[in-house]
């Protein structure tokens, strides 16, 4: 079970699944806080600031809820850990905004591209 951003030990057997927006149209910003090279930057993520990102994510969550209701999974499911309050766009978006996490650091993707000699433009 994925609890506390994967930092806590699971407390029971479970299955989890989620969606990942691989090509977001929303854009964040990175600001320097100091001239010191060791100072941490200020990162403004700006998740879901475009309508395209919001609608894509809402559709993805609806599909995940549909998958969760399939007989092969419902036989093993004891209950939902986190789900939107309803199927409305507003409740799904509220849920997503409260529970969204960054799955991978963008810098890790670039470092991976460099290591594999793959131009970053070709990464998914």
PDB file of N, CA and C in Angstrom:
ATOM      1  N   UNK A   1       0.850  -1.161   0.000  1.00  0.00           N
ATOM      2  CA  UNK A   1       0.000   0.000   0.000  1.00  0.00           C
ATOM      3  C   UNK A   1       0.899   1.229   0.000  1.00  0.00           C
ATOM      4  N   UNK A   2       0.563   2.218  -0.790  1.00  0.00           N
ATOM      5  CA  UNK A   2       1.366   3.435  -0.922  1.00  0.00           C
ATOM      6  C   UNK A   2       0.842   4.469   0.073  1.00  0.00           C
ATOM      7  N   UNK A   3       1.511   4.572   1.217  1.00  0.00           N
ATOM      8  CA  UNK A   3       1.065   5.464   2.285  1.00  0.00           C
ATOM      9  C   UNK A   3       2.166   6.467   2.587  1.00  0.00           C
ATOM     10  N   UNK A   4       1.790   7.680   2.897  1.00  0.00           N
ATOM     11  CA  UNK A   4       2.748   8.729   3.256  1.00  0.00           C
ATOM     12  C   UNK A   4       3.861   8.851   2.223  1.00  0.00           C
ATOM     13  N   UNK A   5       3.441   8.985   0.957  1.00  0.00           N
ATOM     14  CA  UNK A   5       4.360   9.157  -0.168  1.00  0.00           C
ATOM     15  C   UNK A   5       5.354   8.012  -0.289  1.00  0.00           C
ATOM     16  N   UNK A   6       4.951   6.837   0.145  1.00  0.00           N
ATOM     17  CA  UNK A   6       5.810   5.673   0.040  1.00  0.00           C
ATOM     18  C   UNK A   6       6.874   5.587   1.112  1.00  0.00           C
ATOM     19  N   UNK A   7       6.831   6.482   2.088  1.00  0.00           N
ATOM     20  CA  UNK A   7       7.854   6.508   3.132  1.00  0.00           C
ATOM     21  C   UNK A   7       7.487   5.664   4.343  1.00  0.00           C
ATOM     22  N   UNK A   8       6.203   5.353   4.501  1.00  0.00           N
ATOM     23  CA  UNK A   8       5.772   4.560   5.653  1.00  0.00           C
ATOM     24  C   UNK A   8       5.615   3.097   5.247  1.00  0.00           C
ATOM     25  N   UNK A   9       5.755   2.235   6.214  1.00  0.00           N
ATOM     26  CA  UNK A   9       5.557   0.809   5.961  1.00  0.00           C
ATOM     27  C   UNK A   9       4.069   0.521   5.776  1.00  0.00           C
ATOM     28  N   UNK A  10       3.724  -0.401   4.898  1.00  0.00           N
ATOM     29  CA  UNK A  10       2.319  -0.751   4.731  1.00  0.00           C
ATOM     30  C   UNK A  10       1.773  -1.400   5.992  1.00  0.00           C
ATOM     31  N   UNK A  11       0.486  -1.198   6.233  1.00  0.00           N
ATOM     32  CA  UNK A  11      -0.138  -1.759   7.427  1.00  0.00           C
ATOM     33  C   UNK A  11      -1.031  -2.953   7.096  1.00  0.00           C
ATOM     34  N   UNK A  12      -1.226  -3.226   5.804  1.00  0.00           N
ATOM     35  CA  UNK A  12      -2.076  -4.346   5.393  1.00  0.00           C
ATOM     36  C   UNK A  12      -1.764  -4.685   3.941  1.00  0.00           C
ATOM     37  N   UNK A  13      -2.250  -5.827   3.493  1.00  0.00           N
ATOM     38  CA  UNK A  13      -2.123  -6.176   2.091  1.00  0.00           C
ATOM     39  C   UNK A  13      -3.057  -5.275   1.284  1.00  0.00           C
ATOM     40  N   UNK A  14      -2.611  -4.886   0.113  1.00  0.00           N
ATOM     41  CA  UNK A  14      -3.433  -3.992  -0.694  1.00  0.00           C
ATOM     42  C   UNK A  14      -2.934  -3.984  -2.132  1.00  0.00           C
ATOM     43  N   UNK A  15      -3.738  -3.418  -2.990  1.00  0.00           N
ATOM     44  CA  UNK A  15      -3.285  -3.105  -4.330  1.00  0.00           C
ATOM     45  C   UNK A  15      -3.615  -1.641  -4.575  1.00  0.00           C
ATOM     46  N   UNK A  16      -2.760  -0.992  -5.321  1.00  0.00           N
ATOM     47  CA  UNK A  16      -2.962   0.423  -5.630  1.00  0.00           C
ATOM     48  C   UNK A  16      -2.661   0.644  -7.103  1.00  0.00           C
ATOM     49  N   UNK A  17      -3.274   1.627  -7.652  1.00  0.00           N
ATOM     50  CA  UNK A  17      -2.944   2.045  -9.005  1.00  0.00           C
ATOM     51  C   UNK A  17      -3.304   3.509  -9.136  1.00  0.00           C
ATOM     52  N   UNK A  18      -2.681   4.155 -10.079  1.00  0.00           N
ATOM     53  CA  UNK A  18      -2.926   5.583 -10.261  1.00  0.00           C
ATOM     54  C   UNK A  18      -2.558   6.012 -11.667  1.00  0.00           C
ATOM     55  N   UNK A  19      -2.881   7.228 -11.965  1.00  0.00           N
ATOM     56  CA  UNK A  19      -2.595   7.806 -13.277  1.00  0.00           C
ATOM     57  C   UNK A  19      -1.430   8.778 -13.159  1.00  0.00           C
ATOM     58  N   UNK A  20      -0.750   8.955 -14.258  1.00  0.00           N
ATOM     59  CA  UNK A  20       0.374   9.888 -14.304  1.00  0.00           C
ATOM     60  C   UNK A  20       0.267  10.716 -15.571  1.00  0.00           C
ATOM     61  N   UNK A  21       0.244  12.011 -15.430  1.00  0.00           N
ATOM     62  CA  UNK A  21       0.172  12.922 -16.568  1.00  0.00           C
ATOM     63  C   UNK A  21       1.583  13.070 -17.132  1.00  0.00           C
ATOM     64  N   UNK A  22       1.861  12.364 -18.227  1.00  0.00           N
ATOM     65  CA  UNK A  22       3.225  12.311 -18.758  1.00  0.00           C
ATOM     66  C   UNK A  22       3.633  13.538 -19.557  1.00  0.00           C
ATOM     67  N   UNK A  23       2.673  14.191 -20.176  1.00  0.00           N
ATOM     68  CA  UNK A  23       2.993  15.377 -20.966  1.00  0.00           C
ATOM     69  C   UNK A  23       2.115  16.554 -20.528  1.00  0.00           C
ATOM     70  N   UNK A  24       2.375  17.071 -19.346  1.00  0.00           N
ATOM     71  CA  UNK A  24       1.546  18.181 -18.864  1.00  0.00           C
ATOM     72  C   UNK A  24       1.750  19.432 -19.710  1.00  0.00           C
ATOM     73  N   UNK A  25       0.681  20.194 -19.856  1.00  0.00           N
ATOM     74  CA  UNK A  25       0.784  21.478 -20.551  1.00  0.00           C
ATOM     75  C   UNK A  25       0.964  22.617 -19.552  1.00  0.00           C
ATOM     76  N   UNK A  26       0.690  22.366 -18.280  1.00  0.00           N
ATOM     77  CA  UNK A  26       0.938  23.361 -17.231  1.00  0.00           C
ATOM     78  C   UNK A  26       2.448  23.514 -17.059  1.00  0.00           C
ATOM     79  N   UNK A  27       2.870  24.711 -16.764  1.00  0.00           N
ATOM     80  CA  UNK A  27       4.300  24.966 -16.622  1.00  0.00           C
ATOM     81  C   UNK A  27       4.599  25.621 -15.283  1.00  0.00           C
ATOM     82  N   UNK A  28       5.602  25.117 -14.623  1.00  0.00           N
ATOM     83  CA  UNK A  28       6.046  25.680 -13.359  1.00  0.00           C
ATOM     84  C   UNK A  28       7.245  26.585 -13.565  1.00  0.00           C
ATOM     85  N   UNK A  29       7.816  27.020 -12.463  1.00  0.00           N
ATOM     86  CA  UNK A  29       8.974  27.910 -12.509  1.00  0.00           C
ATOM     87  C   UNK A  29       9.945  27.512 -11.407  1.00  0.00           C
ATOM     88  N   UNK A  30      11.206  27.775 -11.648  1.00  0.00           N
ATOM     89  CA  UNK A  30      12.249  27.561 -10.652  1.00  0.00           C
ATOM     90  C   UNK A  30      12.950  28.900 -10.444  1.00  0.00           C
ATOM     91  N   UNK A  31      13.058  29.308  -9.188  1.00  0.00           N
ATOM     92  CA  UNK A  31      13.704  30.570  -8.848  1.00  0.00           C
ATOM     93  C   UNK A  31      14.894  30.299  -7.942  1.00  0.00           C
ATOM     94  N   UNK A  32      15.935  31.059  -8.113  1.00  0.00           N
ATOM     95  CA  UNK A  32      17.068  30.985  -7.195  1.00  0.00           C
ATOM     96  C   UNK A  32      16.702  31.762  -5.941  1.00  0.00           C
ATOM     97  N   UNK A  33      17.004  31.201  -4.790  1.00  0.00           N
ATOM     98  CA  UNK A  33      16.749  31.898  -3.519  1.00  0.00           C
ATOM     99  C   UNK A  33      17.960  32.705  -3.078  1.00  0.00           C
ATOM    100  N   UNK A  34      19.097  32.335  -3.620  1.00  0.00           N
ATOM    101  CA  UNK A  34      20.345  32.929  -3.161  1.00  0.00           C
ATOM    102  C   UNK A  34      21.388  32.771  -4.253  1.00  0.00           C
ATOM    103  N   UNK A  35      22.449  33.531  -4.144  1.00  0.00           N
ATOM    104  CA  UNK A  35      23.570  33.372  -5.068  1.00  0.00           C
ATOM    105  C   UNK A  35      24.470  32.218  -4.660  1.00  0.00           C
ATOM    106  N   UNK A  36      24.228  31.665  -3.481  1.00  0.00           N
ATOM    107  CA  UNK A  36      25.025  30.536  -3.018  1.00  0.00           C
ATOM    108  C   UNK A  36      24.649  29.285  -3.816  1.00  0.00           C
ATOM    109  N   UNK A  37      25.607  28.611  -4.409  1.00  0.00           N
ATOM    110  CA  UNK A  37      25.287  27.427  -5.206  1.00  0.00           C
ATOM    111  C   UNK A  37      24.676  26.286  -4.405  1.00  0.00           C
ATOM    112  N   UNK A  38      24.899  26.262  -3.097  1.00  0.00           N
ATOM    113  CA  UNK A  38      24.361  25.185  -2.274  1.00  0.00           C
ATOM    114  C   UNK A  38      22.936  25.469  -1.789  1.00  0.00           C
ATOM    115  N   UNK A  39      22.417  26.659  -2.031  1.00  0.00           N
ATOM    116  CA  UNK A  39      21.073  27.014  -1.570  1.00  0.00           C
ATOM    117  C   UNK A  39      20.024  26.286  -2.409  1.00  0.00           C
ATOM    118  N   UNK A  40      18.987  25.807  -1.746  1.00  0.00           N
ATOM    119  CA  UNK A  40      17.907  25.113  -2.456  1.00  0.00           C
ATOM    120  C   UNK A  40      17.107  26.124  -3.273  1.00  0.00           C
ATOM    121  N   UNK A  41      16.708  25.753  -4.480  1.00  0.00           N
ATOM    122  CA  UNK A  41      15.891  26.669  -5.286  1.00  0.00           C
ATOM    123  C   UNK A  41      14.446  26.690  -4.788  1.00  0.00           C
ATOM    124  N   UNK A  42      13.717  27.707  -5.175  1.00  0.00           N
ATOM    125  CA  UNK A  42      12.277  27.771  -4.909  1.00  0.00           C
ATOM    126  C   UNK A  42      11.583  27.210  -6.152  1.00  0.00           C
ATOM    127  N   UNK A  43      10.770  26.177  -5.977  1.00  0.00           N
ATOM    128  CA  UNK A  43      10.101  25.532  -7.100  1.00  0.00           C
ATOM    129  C   UNK A  43       8.606  25.776  -6.989  1.00  0.00           C
ATOM    130  N   UNK A  44       8.039  26.375  -8.014  1.00  0.00           N
ATOM    131  CA  UNK A  44       6.602  26.604  -8.104  1.00  0.00           C
ATOM    132  C   UNK A  44       6.076  25.627  -9.162  1.00  0.00           C
ATOM    133  N   UNK A  45       5.406  24.564  -8.732  1.00  0.00           N
ATOM    134  CA  UNK A  45       5.013  23.490  -9.636  1.00  0.00           C
ATOM    135  C   UNK A  45       3.912  23.890 -10.617  1.00  0.00           C
ATOM    136  N   UNK A  46       2.934  24.627 -10.164  1.00  0.00           N
ATOM    137  CA  UNK A  46       1.793  25.028 -11.002  1.00  0.00           C
ATOM    138  C   UNK A  46       1.056  23.846 -11.609  1.00  0.00           C
ATOM    139  N   UNK A  47       0.849  22.802 -10.833  1.00  0.00           N
ATOM    140  CA  UNK A  47       0.097  21.646 -11.324  1.00  0.00           C
ATOM    141  C   UNK A  47      -1.310  22.050 -11.748  1.00  0.00           C
ATOM    142  N   UNK A  48      -1.781  21.485 -12.825  1.00  0.00           N
ATOM    143  CA  UNK A  48      -3.167  21.602 -13.277  1.00  0.00           C
ATOM    144  C   UNK A  48      -3.626  23.034 -13.511  1.00  0.00           C
ATOM    145  N   UNK A  49      -2.747  23.888 -14.013  1.00  0.00           N
ATOM    146  CA  UNK A  49      -3.147  25.268 -14.294  1.00  0.00           C
ATOM    147  C   UNK A  49      -3.770  25.412 -15.673  1.00  0.00           C
ATOM    148  N   UNK A  50      -3.686  24.379 -16.511  1.00  0.00           N
ATOM    149  CA  UNK A  50      -4.349  24.445 -17.818  1.00  0.00           C
ATOM    150  C   UNK A  50      -5.580  23.537 -17.819  1.00  0.00           C
ATOM    151  N   UNK A  51      -6.576  23.943 -18.577  1.00  0.00           N
ATOM    152  CA  UNK A  51      -7.805  23.156 -18.685  1.00  0.00           C
ATOM    153  C   UNK A  51      -7.519  21.769 -19.258  1.00  0.00           C
ATOM    154  N   UNK A  52      -6.578  21.691 -20.186  1.00  0.00           N
ATOM    155  CA  UNK A  52      -6.228  20.395 -20.786  1.00  0.00           C
ATOM    156  C   UNK A  52      -5.720  19.412 -19.723  1.00  0.00           C
ATOM    157  N   UNK A  53      -4.845  19.870 -18.848  1.00  0.00           N
ATOM    158  CA  UNK A  53      -4.330  19.002 -17.778  1.00  0.00           C
ATOM    159  C   UNK A  53      -5.442  18.584 -16.818  1.00  0.00           C
ATOM    160  N   UNK A  54      -6.306  19.535 -16.476  1.00  0.00           N
ATOM    161  CA  UNK A  54      -7.409  19.205 -15.558  1.00  0.00           C
ATOM    162  C   UNK A  54      -8.341  18.167 -16.173  1.00  0.00           C
ATOM    163  N   UNK A  55      -8.739  18.359 -17.419  1.00  0.00           N
ATOM    164  CA  UNK A  55      -9.672  17.426 -18.058  1.00  0.00           C
ATOM    165  C   UNK A  55      -9.046  16.048 -18.280  1.00  0.00           C
ATOM    166  N   UNK A  56      -7.789  16.014 -18.683  1.00  0.00           N
ATOM    167  CA  UNK A  56      -7.100  14.734 -18.877  1.00  0.00           C
ATOM    168  C   UNK A  56      -7.035  13.951 -17.572  1.00  0.00           C
ATOM    169  N   UNK A  57      -6.734  14.652 -16.491  1.00  0.00           N
ATOM    170  CA  UNK A  57      -6.621  14.001 -15.189  1.00  0.00           C
ATOM    171  C   UNK A  57      -7.976  13.529 -14.685  1.00  0.00           C
ATOM    172  N   UNK A  58      -9.004  14.324 -14.871  1.00  0.00           N
ATOM    173  CA  UNK A  58     -10.357  13.921 -14.458  1.00  0.00           C
ATOM    174  C   UNK A  58     -10.772  12.661 -15.212  1.00  0.00           C
ATOM    175  N   UNK A  59     -10.508  12.621 -16.511  1.00  0.00           N
ATOM    176  CA  UNK A  59     -10.840  11.423 -17.300  1.00  0.00           C
ATOM    177  C   UNK A  59     -10.049  10.211 -16.808  1.00  0.00           C
ATOM    178  N   UNK A  60      -8.790  10.419 -16.467  1.00  0.00           N
ATOM    179  CA  UNK A  60      -7.948   9.312 -15.985  1.00  0.00           C
ATOM    180  C   UNK A  60      -8.482   8.762 -14.659  1.00  0.00           C
ATOM    181  N   UNK A  61      -8.867   9.638 -13.755  1.00  0.00           N
ATOM    182  CA  UNK A  61      -9.397   9.181 -12.464  1.00  0.00           C
ATOM    183  C   UNK A  61     -10.704   8.428 -12.680  1.00  0.00           C
ATOM    184  N   UNK A  62     -11.549   8.917 -13.565  1.00  0.00           N
ATOM    185  CA  UNK A  62     -12.800   8.195 -13.862  1.00  0.00           C
ATOM    186  C   UNK A  62     -12.498   6.790 -14.389  1.00  0.00           C
ATOM    187  N   UNK A  63     -11.497   6.664 -15.239  1.00  0.00           N
ATOM    188  CA  UNK A  63     -11.125   5.350 -15.783  1.00  0.00           C
ATOM    189  C   UNK A  63     -10.596   4.456 -14.660  1.00  0.00           C
ATOM    190  N   UNK A  64      -9.808   5.007 -13.754  1.00  0.00           N
ATOM    191  CA  UNK A  64      -9.308   4.215 -12.626  1.00  0.00           C
ATOM    192  C   UNK A  64     -10.452   3.731 -11.738  1.00  0.00           C
ATOM    193  N   UNK A  65     -11.436   4.587 -11.501  1.00  0.00           N
ATOM    194  CA  UNK A  65     -12.595   4.184 -10.703  1.00  0.00           C
ATOM    195  C   UNK A  65     -13.371   3.074 -11.402  1.00  0.00           C
ATOM    196  N   UNK A  66     -13.446   3.158 -12.726  1.00  0.00           N
ATOM    197  CA  UNK A  66     -14.109   2.109 -13.511  1.00  0.00           C
ATOM    198  C   UNK A  66     -13.344   0.784 -13.399  1.00  0.00           C
ATOM    199  N   UNK A  67     -12.035   0.855 -13.494  1.00  0.00           N
ATOM    200  CA  UNK A  67     -11.202  -0.356 -13.362  1.00  0.00           C
ATOM    201  C   UNK A  67     -11.378  -0.964 -11.968  1.00  0.00           C
ATOM    202  N   UNK A  68     -11.418  -0.124 -10.950  1.00  0.00           N
ATOM    203  CA  UNK A  68     -11.552  -0.610  -9.573  1.00  0.00           C
ATOM    204  C   UNK A  68     -12.871  -1.345  -9.345  1.00  0.00           C
ATOM    205  N   UNK A  69     -13.866  -1.067 -10.160  1.00  0.00           N
ATOM    206  CA  UNK A  69     -15.178  -1.712 -10.001  1.00  0.00           C
ATOM    207  C   UNK A  69     -15.300  -3.026 -10.775  1.00  0.00           C
ATOM    208  N   UNK A  70     -14.249  -3.451 -11.442  1.00  0.00           N
ATOM    209  CA  UNK A  70     -14.313  -4.701 -12.200  1.00  0.00           C
ATOM    210  C   UNK A  70     -14.347  -5.887 -11.238  1.00  0.00           C
ATOM    211  N   UNK A  71     -15.115  -6.930 -11.597  1.00  0.00           N
ATOM    212  CA  UNK A  71     -15.275  -8.089 -10.704  1.00  0.00           C
ATOM    213  C   UNK A  71     -13.955  -8.720 -10.258  1.00  0.00           C
ATOM    214  N   UNK A  72     -12.967  -8.746 -11.126  1.00  0.00           N
ATOM    215  CA  UNK A  72     -11.686  -9.360 -10.756  1.00  0.00           C
ATOM    216  C   UNK A  72     -11.035  -8.636  -9.573  1.00  0.00           C
ATOM    217  N   UNK A  73     -11.288  -7.346  -9.437  1.00  0.00           N
ATOM    218  CA  UNK A  73     -10.720  -6.587  -8.321  1.00  0.00           C
ATOM    219  C   UNK A  73     -11.668  -6.506  -7.133  1.00  0.00           C
ATOM    220  N   UNK A  74     -12.971  -6.366  -7.397  1.00  0.00           N
ATOM    221  CA  UNK A  74     -13.906  -6.203  -6.273  1.00  0.00           C
ATOM    222  C   UNK A  74     -13.935  -7.427  -5.373  1.00  0.00           C
ATOM    223  N   UNK A  75     -13.614  -8.599  -5.918  1.00  0.00           N
ATOM    224  CA  UNK A  75     -13.570  -9.811  -5.087  1.00  0.00           C
ATOM    225  C   UNK A  75     -12.498  -9.706  -4.008  1.00  0.00           C
ATOM    226  N   UNK A  76     -11.457  -8.937  -4.253  1.00  0.00           N
ATOM    227  CA  UNK A  76     -10.325  -8.848  -3.331  1.00  0.00           C
ATOM    228  C   UNK A  76     -10.293  -7.536  -2.541  1.00  0.00           C
ATOM    229  N   UNK A  77     -11.167  -6.639  -2.875  1.00  0.00           N
ATOM    230  CA  UNK A  77     -11.138  -5.317  -2.255  1.00  0.00           C
ATOM    231  C   UNK A  77     -11.943  -5.294  -0.957  1.00  0.00           C
ATOM    232  N   UNK A  78     -11.307  -4.798   0.085  1.00  0.00           N
ATOM    233  CA  UNK A  78     -12.004  -4.645   1.366  1.00  0.00           C
ATOM    234  C   UNK A  78     -12.589  -3.250   1.503  1.00  0.00           C
ATOM    235  N   UNK A  79     -11.976  -2.306   0.852  1.00  0.00           N
ATOM    236  CA  UNK A  79     -12.449  -0.930   0.923  1.00  0.00           C
ATOM    237  C   UNK A  79     -11.479  -0.015   0.219  1.00  0.00           C
ATOM    238  N   UNK A  80     -11.908   1.181  -0.032  1.00  0.00           N
ATOM    239  CA  UNK A  80     -11.064   2.155  -0.715  1.00  0.00           C
ATOM    240  C   UNK A  80     -10.273   2.959   0.303  1.00  0.00           C
ATOM    241  N   UNK A  81      -9.014   3.210   0.007  1.00  0.00           N
ATOM    242  CA  UNK A  81      -8.178   4.014   0.892  1.00  0.00           C
ATOM    243  C   UNK A  81      -8.440   5.496   0.666  1.00  0.00           C
ATOM    244  N   UNK A  82      -8.332   5.917  -0.572  1.00  0.00           N
ATOM    245  CA  UNK A  82      -8.595   7.317  -0.935  1.00  0.00           C
ATOM    246  C   UNK A  82      -9.329   7.341  -2.265  1.00  0.00           C
ATOM    247  N   UNK A  83     -10.477   7.956  -2.274  1.00  0.00           N
ATOM    248  CA  UNK A  83     -11.251   8.123  -3.505  1.00  0.00           C
ATOM    249  C   UNK A  83     -11.926   9.492  -3.464  1.00  0.00           C
ATOM    250  N   UNK A  84     -12.298  10.025  -4.620  1.00  0.00           N
ATOM    251  CA  UNK A  84     -13.034  11.295  -4.635  1.00  0.00           C
ATOM    252  C   UNK A  84     -14.382  11.150  -3.922  1.00  0.00           C
ATOM    253  N   UNK A  85     -14.923  12.255  -3.451  1.00  0.00           N
ATOM    254  CA  UNK A  85     -16.207  12.253  -2.746  1.00  0.00           C
ATOM    255  C   UNK A  85     -17.353  11.827  -3.658  1.00  0.00           C
ATOM    256  N   UNK A  86     -17.236  12.122  -4.955  1.00  0.00           N
ATOM    257  CA  UNK A  86     -18.252  11.716  -5.924  1.00  0.00           C
ATOM    258  C   UNK A  86     -17.605  11.660  -7.309  1.00  0.00           C
ATOM    259  N   UNK A  87     -18.427  11.398  -8.321  1.00  0.00           N
ATOM    260  CA  UNK A  87     -17.936  11.318  -9.698  1.00  0.00           C
ATOM    261  C   UNK A  87     -17.985  12.679 -10.406  1.00  0.00           C
ATOM    262  N   UNK A  88     -18.322  13.735  -9.678  1.00  0.00           N
ATOM    263  CA  UNK A  88     -18.406  15.057 -10.314  1.00  0.00           C
ATOM    264  C   UNK A  88     -17.002  15.565 -10.642  1.00  0.00           C
ATOM    265  N   UNK A  89     -16.910  16.390 -11.680  1.00  0.00           N
ATOM    266  CA  UNK A  89     -15.625  16.980 -12.045  1.00  0.00           C
ATOM    267  C   UNK A  89     -15.014  17.731 -10.866  1.00  0.00           C
ATOM    268  N   UNK A  90     -15.838  18.483 -10.142  1.00  0.00           N
ATOM    269  CA  UNK A  90     -15.334  19.295  -9.029  1.00  0.00           C
ATOM    270  C   UNK A  90     -14.746  18.418  -7.928  1.00  0.00           C
ATOM    271  N   UNK A  91     -15.433  17.331  -7.573  1.00  0.00           N
ATOM    272  CA  UNK A  91     -14.925  16.449  -6.517  1.00  0.00           C
ATOM    273  C   UNK A  91     -13.671  15.699  -6.956  1.00  0.00           C
ATOM    274  N   UNK A  92     -13.639  15.278  -8.212  1.00  0.00           N
ATOM    275  CA  UNK A  92     -12.437  14.588  -8.707  1.00  0.00           C
ATOM    276  C   UNK A  92     -11.256  15.544  -8.720  1.00  0.00           C
ATOM    277  N   UNK A  93     -11.459  16.764  -9.214  1.00  0.00           N
ATOM    278  CA  UNK A  93     -10.366  17.731  -9.256  1.00  0.00           C
ATOM    279  C   UNK A  93      -9.903  18.095  -7.844  1.00  0.00           C
ATOM    280  N   UNK A  94     -10.831  18.242  -6.908  1.00  0.00           N
ATOM    281  CA  UNK A  94     -10.469  18.515  -5.520  1.00  0.00           C
ATOM    282  C   UNK A  94      -9.624  17.378  -4.958  1.00  0.00           C
ATOM    283  N   UNK A  95     -10.031  16.155  -5.217  1.00  0.00           N
ATOM    284  CA  UNK A  95      -9.286  14.978  -4.773  1.00  0.00           C
ATOM    285  C   UNK A  95      -7.867  14.979  -5.364  1.00  0.00           C
ATOM    286  N   UNK A  96      -7.780  15.208  -6.653  1.00  0.00           N
ATOM    287  CA  UNK A  96      -6.480  15.205  -7.334  1.00  0.00           C
ATOM    288  C   UNK A  96      -5.574  16.298  -6.771  1.00  0.00           C
ATOM    289  N   UNK A  97      -6.115  17.479  -6.564  1.00  0.00           N
ATOM    290  CA  UNK A  97      -5.297  18.581  -6.053  1.00  0.00           C
ATOM    291  C   UNK A  97      -4.822  18.319  -4.624  1.00  0.00           C
ATOM    292  N   UNK A  98      -5.592  17.577  -3.849  1.00  0.00           N
ATOM    293  CA  UNK A  98      -5.194  17.268  -2.466  1.00  0.00           C
ATOM    294  C   UNK A  98      -4.152  16.142  -2.393  1.00  0.00           C
ATOM    295  N   UNK A  99      -4.183  15.217  -3.352  1.00  0.00           N
ATOM    296  CA  UNK A  99      -3.360  14.011  -3.237  1.00  0.00           C
ATOM    297  C   UNK A  99      -2.301  13.851  -4.319  1.00  0.00           C
ATOM    298  N   UNK A 100      -2.135  14.845  -5.169  1.00  0.00           N
ATOM    299  CA  UNK A 100      -1.152  14.740  -6.245  1.00  0.00           C
ATOM    300  C   UNK A 100       0.267  14.754  -5.700  1.00  0.00           C
ATOM    301  N   UNK A 101       1.105  13.915  -6.306  1.00  0.00           N
ATOM    302  CA  UNK A 101       2.520  13.875  -5.974  1.00  0.00           C
ATOM    303  C   UNK A 101       3.318  13.844  -7.271  1.00  0.00           C
ATOM    304  N   UNK A 102       4.529  14.290  -7.207  1.00  0.00           N
ATOM    305  CA  UNK A 102       5.412  14.199  -8.358  1.00  0.00           C
ATOM    306  C   UNK A 102       6.077  12.828  -8.311  1.00  0.00           C
ATOM    307  N   UNK A 103       5.799  11.967  -9.304  1.00  0.00           N
ATOM    308  CA  UNK A 103       6.346  10.608  -9.237  1.00  0.00           C
ATOM    309  C   UNK A 103       7.851  10.537  -9.457  1.00  0.00           C
ATOM    310  N   UNK A 104       8.378  11.361 -10.315  1.00  0.00           N
ATOM    311  CA  UNK A 104       9.812  11.358 -10.602  1.00  0.00           C
ATOM    312  C   UNK A 104      10.297  12.790 -10.719  1.00  0.00           C
ATOM    313  N   UNK A 105      11.480  13.025 -10.268  1.00  0.00           N
ATOM    314  CA  UNK A 105      12.050  14.361 -10.426  1.00  0.00           C
ATOM    315  C   UNK A 105      12.426  14.582 -11.884  1.00  0.00           C
ATOM    316  N   UNK A 106      12.035  15.714 -12.482  1.00  0.00           N
ATOM    317  CA  UNK A 106      12.415  15.985 -13.869  1.00  0.00           C
ATOM    318  C   UNK A 106      13.922  15.913 -14.085  1.00  0.00           C
ATOM    319  N   UNK A 107      14.691  16.315 -13.081  1.00  0.00           N
ATOM    320  CA  UNK A 107      16.144  16.250 -13.210  1.00  0.00           C
ATOM    321  C   UNK A 107      16.611  14.803 -13.369  1.00  0.00           C
ATOM    322  N   UNK A 108      15.902  13.870 -12.740  1.00  0.00           N
ATOM    323  CA  UNK A 108      16.271  12.454 -12.867  1.00  0.00           C
ATOM    324  C   UNK A 108      16.081  11.990 -14.299  1.00  0.00           C
ATOM    325  N   UNK A 109      15.045  12.480 -14.951  1.00  0.00           N
ATOM    326  CA  UNK A 109      14.811  12.108 -16.351  1.00  0.00           C
ATOM    327  C   UNK A 109      15.928  12.635 -17.232  1.00  0.00           C
ATOM    328  N   UNK A 110      16.360  13.859 -16.970  1.00  0.00           N
ATOM    329  CA  UNK A 110      17.446  14.426 -17.770  1.00  0.00           C
ATOM    330  C   UNK A 110      18.754  13.702 -17.499  1.00  0.00           C
ATOM    331  N   UNK A 111      19.006  13.375 -16.239  1.00  0.00           N
ATOM    332  CA  UNK A 111      20.229  12.640 -15.912  1.00  0.00           C
ATOM    333  C   UNK A 111      20.202  11.273 -16.578  1.00  0.00           C
ATOM    334  N   UNK A 112      19.024  10.649 -16.594  1.00  0.00           N
ATOM    335  CA  UNK A 112      18.874   9.350 -17.240  1.00  0.00           C
ATOM    336  C   UNK A 112      19.123   9.476 -18.737  1.00  0.00           C
ATOM    337  N   UNK A 113      18.615  10.540 -19.330  1.00  0.00           N
ATOM    338  CA  UNK A 113      18.809  10.743 -20.767  1.00  0.00           C
ATOM    339  C   UNK A 113      20.288  10.903 -21.083  1.00  0.00           C
ATOM    340  N   UNK A 114      20.993  11.669 -20.261  1.00  0.00           N
ATOM    341  CA  UNK A 114      22.416  11.877 -20.480  1.00  0.00           C
ATOM    342  C   UNK A 114      23.175  10.564 -20.343  1.00  0.00           C
ATOM    343  N   UNK A 115      22.826   9.791 -19.330  1.00  0.00           N
ATOM    344  CA  UNK A 115      23.509   8.529 -19.079  1.00  0.00           C
ATOM    345  C   UNK A 115      23.315   7.564 -20.250  1.00  0.00           C
ATOM    346  N   UNK A 116      22.137   7.589 -20.836  1.00  0.00           N
ATOM    347  CA  UNK A 116      21.847   6.681 -21.960  1.00  0.00           C
ATOM    348  C   UNK A 116      22.147   7.307 -23.313  1.00  0.00           C
ATOM    349  N   UNK A 117      22.648   8.517 -23.295  1.00  0.00           N
ATOM    350  CA  UNK A 117      22.957   9.242 -24.529  1.00  0.00           C
ATOM    351  C   UNK A 117      21.711   9.428 -25.402  1.00  0.00           C
ATOM    352  N   UNK A 118      20.563   9.585 -24.761  1.00  0.00           N
ATOM    353  CA  UNK A 118      19.330   9.832 -25.470  1.00  0.00           C
ATOM    354  C   UNK A 118      18.980  11.307 -25.336  1.00  0.00           C
ATOM    355  N   UNK A 119      18.707  11.983 -26.423  1.00  0.00           N
ATOM    356  CA  UNK A 119      18.344  13.402 -26.308  1.00  0.00           C
ATOM    357  C   UNK A 119      17.074  13.560 -25.465  1.00  0.00           C
ATOM    358  N   UNK A 120      17.035  14.520 -24.523  1.00  0.00           N
ATOM    359  CA  UNK A 120      15.856  14.673 -23.669  1.00  0.00           C
ATOM    360  C   UNK A 120      14.568  14.862 -24.439  1.00  0.00           C
ATOM    361  N   UNK A 121      14.619  15.430 -25.623  1.00  0.00           N
ATOM    362  CA  UNK A 121      13.397  15.665 -26.398  1.00  0.00           C
ATOM    363  C   UNK A 121      12.688  14.364 -26.746  1.00  0.00           C
ATOM    364  N   UNK A 122      13.380  13.231 -26.724  1.00  0.00           N
ATOM    365  CA  UNK A 122      12.746  11.965 -27.083  1.00  0.00           C
ATOM    366  C   UNK A 122      12.207  11.208 -25.883  1.00  0.00           C
ATOM    367  N   UNK A 123      12.391  11.765 -24.666  1.00  0.00           N
ATOM    368  CA  UNK A 123      11.875  11.086 -23.487  1.00  0.00           C
ATOM    369  C   UNK A 123      10.363  11.217 -23.436  1.00  0.00           C
ATOM    370  N   UNK A 124       9.659  10.212 -22.880  1.00  0.00           N
ATOM    371  CA  UNK A 124       8.193  10.316 -22.785  1.00  0.00           C
ATOM    372  C   UNK A 124       7.770  11.372 -21.811  1.00  0.00           C
TER     373      UNK A 124
END
